[in-house]
Amino acid sequence: MGLRQLPLHMSDEEFQRFIQEFRAFMRPWLELQPGPERQQRLFNMILMTMHPTDENNQN
C-alpha cells in the first residue's frame, strides 16, 4: 500500500484539462480484464481544493 500527496497549482481551466488527460491515461488500464497473472489493485484518488492562506501562498 502506498500514499502520495502532491500539491498542484492549477487554474480551473488547467484542472479540467488535467482531469481529461488523466481519464485518457487511465482508460487502457481500466480496460484490462482479470487473468491468472493479474491481481486486482484498488486505486483511490481524492482531489481537494485548498483555500488560499497567507501561509501556503508565499511563492
Protein backbone atom coordinates (compact mmCIF):
# COMPACT_ATOMS: atom_id res chain seq x y z
CA MET A 1 0.00 0.00 0.00
CA GLY A 2 1.23 3.48 -0.73
CA LEU A 3 0.05 7.03 -0.30
CA ARG A 4 1.28 10.04 -2.22
CA GLN A 5 0.25 13.65 -1.77
CA LEU A 6 1.35 16.19 -4.33
CA PRO A 7 0.42 19.88 -4.25
CA LEU A 8 -0.70 21.05 -7.70
CA HIS A 9 -1.12 24.73 -8.56
CA MET A 10 -3.69 24.94 -11.37
CA SER A 11 -6.33 27.30 -12.63
CA ASP A 12 -9.85 25.91 -13.10
CA GLU A 13 -9.14 25.50 -16.82
CA GLU A 14 -5.85 23.71 -16.18
CA PHE A 15 -7.56 21.45 -13.67
CA GLN A 16 -10.25 20.48 -16.20
CA ARG A 17 -7.51 19.67 -18.73
CA PHE A 18 -5.68 17.63 -16.09
CA ILE A 19 -8.83 15.57 -15.40
CA GLN A 20 -9.44 14.97 -19.12
CA GLU A 21 -5.84 13.87 -19.70
CA PHE A 22 -5.84 11.70 -16.58
CA ARG A 23 -9.00 9.91 -17.75
CA ALA A 24 -7.42 9.32 -21.17
CA PHE A 25 -4.28 7.97 -19.49
CA MET A 26 -6.27 5.60 -17.26
CA ARG A 27 -8.64 4.26 -19.95
CA PRO A 28 -6.39 1.46 -21.31
CA TRP A 29 -5.51 0.33 -17.78
CA LEU A 30 -9.17 0.18 -16.78
CA GLU A 31 -9.95 -1.96 -19.83
CA LEU A 32 -7.59 -4.77 -18.78
CA GLN A 33 -9.51 -7.95 -17.96
CA PRO A 34 -8.84 -10.26 -14.98
CA GLY A 35 -6.35 -13.00 -15.65
CA PRO A 36 -4.33 -15.61 -13.74
CA GLU A 37 -1.22 -13.41 -13.75
CA ARG A 38 -3.11 -10.28 -12.61
CA GLN A 39 -4.01 -9.10 -9.14
CA GLN A 40 -6.82 -6.65 -8.56
CA ARG A 41 -5.47 -3.37 -7.23
CA LEU A 42 -7.68 -0.67 -5.80
CA PHE A 43 -6.74 2.83 -6.94
CA ASN A 44 -8.13 5.76 -4.94
CA MET A 45 -7.90 9.41 -5.83
CA ILE A 46 -9.09 12.27 -3.66
CA LEU A 47 -8.88 15.79 -5.04
CA MET A 48 -9.38 18.70 -2.66
CA THR A 49 -9.34 22.39 -3.37
CA MET A 50 -7.10 24.14 -0.89
CA HIS A 51 -8.34 27.54 0.19
CA PRO A 52 -5.60 30.16 -0.03
CA THR A 53 -4.00 31.37 3.16
CA ASP A 54 -1.01 33.60 3.78
CA GLU A 55 0.92 30.51 4.85
CA ASN A 56 0.53 28.48 1.63
CA ASN A 57 0.72 31.40 -0.84
CA GLN A 58 4.30 32.53 -0.23
CA ASN A 59 5.51 31.93 -3.82
